[in-house]
N, C-alpha and C. Protein backbone atom coordinates (compact mmCIF):
# COMPACT_ATOMS: atom_id res chain seq x y z
N ARG A 1 0.85 -1.18 0.00
CA ARG A 1 0.00 0.00 0.00
C ARG A 1 0.90 1.24 0.00
N PRO A 2 0.59 2.25 -0.83
CA PRO A 2 1.42 3.44 -0.88
C PRO A 2 1.32 4.25 0.41
N ALA A 3 2.30 5.12 0.61
CA ALA A 3 2.29 6.00 1.78
C ALA A 3 1.09 6.94 1.70
N ALA A 4 0.56 7.31 2.86
CA ALA A 4 -0.59 8.22 2.91
C ALA A 4 -0.19 9.62 2.47
N LEU A 5 -1.13 10.33 1.87
CA LEU A 5 -0.94 11.72 1.47
C LEU A 5 -1.48 12.61 2.58
N SER A 6 -0.78 13.68 2.88
CA SER A 6 -1.30 14.66 3.84
C SER A 6 -1.97 15.77 3.05
N VAL A 7 -3.23 16.03 3.32
CA VAL A 7 -4.01 17.02 2.59
C VAL A 7 -4.47 18.08 3.58
N ARG A 8 -4.21 19.36 3.25
CA ARG A 8 -4.63 20.45 4.12
C ARG A 8 -6.02 20.91 3.72
N ALA A 9 -6.93 20.89 4.66
CA ALA A 9 -8.30 21.31 4.42
C ALA A 9 -8.41 22.83 4.46
N ILE A 10 -9.50 23.36 3.92
CA ILE A 10 -9.72 24.80 3.89
C ILE A 10 -9.69 25.39 5.30
N GLY A 11 -10.23 24.68 6.26
CA GLY A 11 -10.27 25.16 7.64
C GLY A 11 -8.91 25.11 8.33
N GLY A 12 -7.90 24.56 7.66
CA GLY A 12 -6.56 24.52 8.23
C GLY A 12 -6.16 23.18 8.79
N GLY A 13 -7.10 22.26 8.94
CA GLY A 13 -6.77 20.94 9.45
C GLY A 13 -6.04 20.10 8.40
N VAL A 14 -5.38 19.05 8.85
CA VAL A 14 -4.65 18.16 7.95
C VAL A 14 -5.27 16.77 8.05
N GLU A 15 -5.53 16.17 6.91
CA GLU A 15 -6.10 14.83 6.85
C GLU A 15 -5.17 13.95 6.03
N GLU A 16 -4.96 12.72 6.48
CA GLU A 16 -4.16 11.78 5.70
C GLU A 16 -5.08 10.82 4.97
N VAL A 17 -4.83 10.66 3.67
CA VAL A 17 -5.61 9.76 2.83
C VAL A 17 -4.66 8.93 1.98
N ASP A 18 -5.19 7.80 1.49
CA ASP A 18 -4.38 6.96 0.60
C ASP A 18 -4.38 7.50 -0.83
N SER A 19 -5.49 8.12 -1.22
CA SER A 19 -5.63 8.58 -2.60
C SER A 19 -6.41 9.89 -2.64
N LEU A 20 -5.98 10.79 -3.49
CA LEU A 20 -6.65 12.07 -3.70
C LEU A 20 -7.14 12.11 -5.14
N VAL A 21 -8.45 12.30 -5.31
CA VAL A 21 -9.04 12.40 -6.65
C VAL A 21 -9.43 13.87 -6.83
N VAL A 22 -8.93 14.48 -7.91
CA VAL A 22 -9.21 15.88 -8.18
C VAL A 22 -10.32 15.97 -9.23
N GLY A 23 -11.46 16.50 -8.81
CA GLY A 23 -12.60 16.65 -9.71
C GLY A 23 -13.66 15.60 -9.46
N SER A 24 -14.91 16.06 -9.33
CA SER A 24 -16.00 15.13 -9.02
C SER A 24 -16.97 15.00 -10.19
N GLY A 25 -16.43 15.06 -11.41
CA GLY A 25 -17.25 14.78 -12.57
C GLY A 25 -17.49 13.29 -12.69
N ILE A 26 -17.94 12.84 -13.83
CA ILE A 26 -18.23 11.42 -14.02
C ILE A 26 -16.99 10.57 -13.75
N SER A 27 -15.87 10.94 -14.32
CA SER A 27 -14.65 10.14 -14.16
C SER A 27 -14.14 10.16 -12.73
N GLY A 28 -14.04 11.34 -12.13
CA GLY A 28 -13.53 11.45 -10.77
C GLY A 28 -14.42 10.75 -9.76
N SER A 29 -15.72 10.95 -9.89
CA SER A 29 -16.65 10.30 -8.97
C SER A 29 -16.62 8.79 -9.11
N SER A 30 -16.54 8.30 -10.35
CA SER A 30 -16.47 6.86 -10.59
C SER A 30 -15.19 6.27 -10.00
N LEU A 31 -14.08 6.97 -10.19
CA LEU A 31 -12.81 6.50 -9.65
C LEU A 31 -12.84 6.49 -8.13
N ALA A 32 -13.32 7.57 -7.53
CA ALA A 32 -13.38 7.64 -6.06
C ALA A 32 -14.26 6.52 -5.51
N PHE A 33 -15.40 6.27 -6.14
CA PHE A 33 -16.30 5.21 -5.70
C PHE A 33 -15.63 3.85 -5.80
N SER A 34 -14.98 3.60 -6.93
CA SER A 34 -14.31 2.31 -7.14
C SER A 34 -13.19 2.10 -6.11
N LEU A 35 -12.40 3.13 -5.86
CA LEU A 35 -11.34 3.02 -4.86
C LEU A 35 -11.92 2.76 -3.47
N HIS A 36 -12.98 3.48 -3.14
CA HIS A 36 -13.64 3.30 -1.84
C HIS A 36 -14.15 1.87 -1.69
N GLN A 37 -14.75 1.32 -2.76
CA GLN A 37 -15.26 -0.05 -2.73
C GLN A 37 -14.13 -1.06 -2.49
N GLN A 38 -12.90 -0.69 -2.89
CA GLN A 38 -11.75 -1.56 -2.71
C GLN A 38 -11.07 -1.35 -1.36
N GLY A 39 -11.66 -0.48 -0.52
CA GLY A 39 -11.11 -0.25 0.81
C GLY A 39 -10.04 0.83 0.88
N VAL A 40 -9.88 1.59 -0.18
CA VAL A 40 -8.89 2.67 -0.19
C VAL A 40 -9.50 3.89 0.49
N ASP A 41 -8.74 4.54 1.36
CA ASP A 41 -9.18 5.78 2.00
C ASP A 41 -8.96 6.90 0.99
N VAL A 42 -10.04 7.38 0.38
CA VAL A 42 -9.94 8.31 -0.74
C VAL A 42 -10.65 9.61 -0.41
N LEU A 43 -10.09 10.71 -0.90
CA LEU A 43 -10.71 12.02 -0.78
C LEU A 43 -10.93 12.55 -2.20
N CYS A 44 -12.18 12.88 -2.53
CA CYS A 44 -12.52 13.43 -3.84
C CYS A 44 -12.77 14.92 -3.66
N THR A 45 -12.06 15.75 -4.40
CA THR A 45 -12.19 17.20 -4.27
C THR A 45 -12.91 17.78 -5.48
N GLU A 46 -13.49 18.96 -5.29
CA GLU A 46 -14.20 19.63 -6.38
C GLU A 46 -14.08 21.14 -6.17
N ALA A 47 -13.79 21.87 -7.24
CA ALA A 47 -13.64 23.32 -7.16
C ALA A 47 -14.99 24.03 -7.06
N LYS A 48 -16.02 23.45 -7.65
CA LYS A 48 -17.35 24.07 -7.63
C LYS A 48 -18.09 23.68 -6.35
N ASP A 49 -19.23 24.31 -6.12
CA ASP A 49 -20.01 23.99 -4.93
C ASP A 49 -21.00 22.84 -5.14
N VAL A 50 -20.95 22.22 -6.32
CA VAL A 50 -21.77 21.04 -6.62
C VAL A 50 -20.90 19.99 -7.29
N VAL A 51 -21.29 18.73 -7.11
CA VAL A 51 -20.57 17.65 -7.78
C VAL A 51 -21.22 17.36 -9.12
N GLY A 52 -20.51 16.65 -9.97
CA GLY A 52 -21.09 16.25 -11.26
C GLY A 52 -20.34 16.76 -12.46
N GLY A 53 -19.40 17.67 -12.26
CA GLY A 53 -18.65 18.20 -13.40
C GLY A 53 -19.57 18.89 -14.38
N ASN A 54 -19.49 18.50 -15.64
CA ASN A 54 -20.31 19.13 -16.68
C ASN A 54 -21.71 18.55 -16.78
N VAL A 55 -22.00 17.50 -16.01
CA VAL A 55 -23.34 16.94 -16.01
C VAL A 55 -24.19 17.74 -15.03
N ILE A 56 -25.34 18.17 -15.48
CA ILE A 56 -26.20 18.99 -14.65
C ILE A 56 -27.64 18.51 -14.81
N THR A 57 -28.38 18.47 -13.72
CA THR A 57 -29.79 18.06 -13.75
C THR A 57 -30.66 19.30 -13.83
N LYS A 58 -31.56 19.31 -14.80
CA LYS A 58 -32.50 20.42 -14.98
C LYS A 58 -33.90 19.92 -14.64
N GLU A 59 -34.77 20.83 -14.22
CA GLU A 59 -36.15 20.48 -13.90
C GLU A 59 -37.07 21.60 -14.38
N ALA A 60 -38.15 21.20 -15.03
CA ALA A 60 -39.17 22.15 -15.47
C ALA A 60 -40.47 21.41 -15.71
N ASP A 61 -41.55 21.99 -15.30
CA ASP A 61 -42.88 21.44 -15.54
C ASP A 61 -43.02 19.99 -15.07
N GLY A 62 -42.36 19.65 -13.96
CA GLY A 62 -42.46 18.30 -13.42
C GLY A 62 -41.56 17.28 -14.09
N PHE A 63 -40.71 17.71 -15.03
CA PHE A 63 -39.80 16.80 -15.73
C PHE A 63 -38.37 17.05 -15.26
N LEU A 64 -37.58 15.98 -15.18
CA LEU A 64 -36.15 16.06 -14.89
C LEU A 64 -35.39 15.55 -16.11
N TRP A 65 -34.29 16.20 -16.43
CA TRP A 65 -33.42 15.70 -17.49
C TRP A 65 -31.99 16.09 -17.21
N GLU A 66 -31.07 15.37 -17.81
CA GLU A 66 -29.64 15.60 -17.62
C GLU A 66 -29.07 16.33 -18.84
N GLU A 67 -28.22 17.28 -18.57
CA GLU A 67 -27.47 17.96 -19.63
C GLU A 67 -26.00 17.85 -19.29
N GLY A 68 -25.18 17.96 -20.30
CA GLY A 68 -23.76 17.92 -20.03
C GLY A 68 -22.96 17.48 -21.23
N PRO A 69 -21.78 16.91 -20.95
CA PRO A 69 -20.88 16.54 -22.04
C PRO A 69 -21.46 15.40 -22.86
N ASN A 70 -21.03 15.34 -24.09
CA ASN A 70 -21.43 14.22 -24.94
C ASN A 70 -20.26 13.80 -25.80
N THR A 71 -20.41 12.71 -26.49
CA THR A 71 -19.32 12.21 -27.33
C THR A 71 -19.61 12.43 -28.81
N PHE A 72 -20.55 13.28 -29.12
CA PHE A 72 -20.89 13.57 -30.50
C PHE A 72 -19.75 14.36 -31.15
N GLN A 73 -19.16 13.80 -32.18
CA GLN A 73 -18.07 14.47 -32.90
C GLN A 73 -18.56 14.79 -34.32
N PRO A 74 -19.00 16.02 -34.53
CA PRO A 74 -19.57 16.35 -35.84
C PRO A 74 -18.52 16.34 -36.95
N THR A 75 -18.93 15.79 -38.08
CA THR A 75 -18.10 15.86 -39.28
C THR A 75 -18.63 17.01 -40.14
N ARG A 76 -17.91 17.36 -41.17
CA ARG A 76 -18.36 18.44 -42.06
C ARG A 76 -19.72 18.10 -42.69
N GLN A 77 -19.90 16.83 -43.04
CA GLN A 77 -21.16 16.42 -43.66
C GLN A 77 -22.32 16.58 -42.69
N ILE A 78 -22.14 16.21 -41.45
CA ILE A 78 -23.20 16.34 -40.44
C ILE A 78 -23.50 17.81 -40.19
N LEU A 79 -22.46 18.63 -40.07
CA LEU A 79 -22.69 20.06 -39.86
C LEU A 79 -23.44 20.71 -41.01
N ARG A 80 -23.14 20.28 -42.24
CA ARG A 80 -23.89 20.82 -43.40
C ARG A 80 -25.37 20.45 -43.33
N LEU A 81 -25.66 19.22 -42.89
CA LEU A 81 -27.06 18.80 -42.76
C LEU A 81 -27.78 19.61 -41.67
N ALA A 82 -27.06 19.99 -40.62
CA ALA A 82 -27.67 20.71 -39.51
C ALA A 82 -27.92 22.18 -39.84
N CYS A 83 -27.22 22.71 -40.80
CA CYS A 83 -27.35 24.13 -41.11
C CYS A 83 -28.38 24.39 -42.13
């Protein structure tokens, strides 16, 4: 097992963890969860005041939907069809 990392909290305290995950988007949250499931003492940090990275939940008229990153890579042909 690797040596513990010392992490200074905003309040000035110091916490030791086995792993530090920077960013709580899909990848960071998934990694932190997987490490935690394996018994690793992990700290997941986030710069924003909400987790989720670019994924955001919207609500209107009683409906919920997710917005955020996608893997759509437009080609010139697709862009011409869209215009």
